[in-house]
Protein backbone atom coordinates (compact mmCIF):
# COMPACT_ATOMS: atom_id res chain seq x y z
CA UNK A 1 0.00 0.00 0.00
CA UNK A 2 1.55 3.33 -1.00
CA UNK A 3 2.16 5.94 1.70
CA UNK A 4 0.43 9.26 1.47
CA UNK A 5 2.74 12.08 0.65
CA UNK A 6 3.59 14.28 3.59
CA UNK A 7 2.06 17.71 3.24
CA UNK A 8 4.03 19.27 6.09
CA UNK A 9 7.02 21.36 5.22
CA UNK A 10 10.34 21.28 7.05
CA UNK A 11 9.58 24.78 8.33
CA UNK A 12 6.26 23.63 9.80
CA UNK A 13 7.93 20.61 11.44
CA UNK A 14 10.69 22.83 12.76
CA UNK A 15 8.12 25.29 14.10
CA UNK A 16 6.18 22.46 15.73
CA UNK A 17 9.35 21.05 17.25
CA UNK A 18 10.32 24.49 18.54
CA UNK A 19 6.89 24.89 20.11
CA UNK A 20 7.18 21.44 21.70
CA UNK A 21 10.66 22.27 23.00
CA UNK A 22 9.38 25.55 24.44
CA UNK A 23 6.47 23.74 26.11
CA UNK A 24 8.82 21.09 27.49
CA UNK A 25 11.12 23.81 28.82
CA UNK A 26 8.15 25.53 30.47
CA UNK A 27 7.02 22.25 32.03
CA UNK A 28 10.52 21.57 33.36
CA UNK A 29 10.74 25.05 34.87
CA UNK A 30 7.38 24.52 36.57
CA UNK A 31 8.52 21.12 37.83
CA UNK A 32 11.70 22.66 39.25
CA UNK A 33 9.74 25.47 40.91
CA UNK A 34 7.35 22.96 42.48
CA UNK A 35 10.28 20.85 43.69
CA UNK A 36 11.75 23.91 45.39
CA UNK A 37 8.38 24.64 47.00
CA UNK A 38 8.24 21.05 48.21
CA UNK A 39 11.70 21.31 49.76
CA UNK A 40 10.70 24.56 51.48
CA UNK A 41 7.44 23.05 52.70
CA UNK A 42 9.22 20.02 54.11
CA UNK A 43 11.65 22.30 55.94
CA UNK A 44 8.74 24.28 57.39
CA UNK A 45 7.06 21.07 58.54
CA UNK A 46 10.30 19.93 60.20
CA UNK A 47 10.63 23.31 61.95
CA UNK A 48 6.99 23.15 63.06
CA UNK A 49 7.45 19.66 64.49
CA UNK A 50 10.59 20.77 66.32
CA UNK A 51 8.70 23.71 67.81
CA UNK A 52 5.86 21.41 68.87
CA UNK A 53 8.38 19.19 70.64
CA UNK A 54 9.97 22.18 72.40
CA UNK A 55 6.54 23.42 73.44
CA UNK A 56 5.58 20.01 74.80
CA UNK A 57 8.78 20.01 76.88
CA UNK A 58 8.22 23.58 78.08
CA UNK A 59 4.60 23.14 79.22
CA UNK A 60 5.38 21.12 82.39
CA UNK A 61 8.12 23.57 83.35
CA UNK A 62 5.76 26.49 82.82
CA UNK A 63 3.10 24.79 84.97
CA UNK A 64 5.67 24.29 87.73
CA UNK A 65 6.73 27.94 87.55
CA UNK A 66 3.10 29.10 87.69
CA UNK A 67 2.54 27.02 90.85
CA UNK A 68 5.75 28.41 92.38
CA UNK A 69 4.66 31.96 91.55
CA UNK A 70 1.26 31.37 93.15
CA UNK A 71 2.91 30.01 96.28
CA UNK A 72 5.38 32.90 96.45
CA UNK A 73 2.60 35.40 95.85
CA UNK A 74 0.59 33.92 98.73
CA UNK A 75 3.69 34.03 100.96
CA UNK A 76 4.30 37.66 100.01
CA UNK A 77 0.68 38.58 100.72
CA UNK A 78 0.89 36.96 104.17
CA UNK A 79 4.15 38.79 104.91
CA UNK A 80 2.62 42.11 103.86
CA UNK A 81 -0.44 41.45 105.99
CA UNK A 82 1.76 40.70 109.02
CA UNK A 83 3.80 43.82 108.34
CA UNK A 84 0.61 45.89 108.45
CA UNK A 85 -0.49 44.26 111.70
CA UNK A 86 -3.23 42.06 110.31
CA UNK A 87 -4.02 38.88 112.24
CA UNK A 88 -2.65 35.56 110.99
CA UNK A 89 -5.10 33.52 108.92
């Protein structure tokens, strides 16, 4: 069976190939940009997890300090009351 003669010219093929190359280049640039975003996002997630861990460690210490401050505040209030001649509770 004879093949149909190609009606496309070398210029048209070259233009099509150039357009395909440009599209491929654009797709690769987008892929690279998205990869960079992914790397940045992963770094942010790692930082967030580290901060969550630090916060989890700090919470018990903060609770202890709050209790100590409440105790010291009560002691200070009693001392001030005694200094002003108030009766002991």
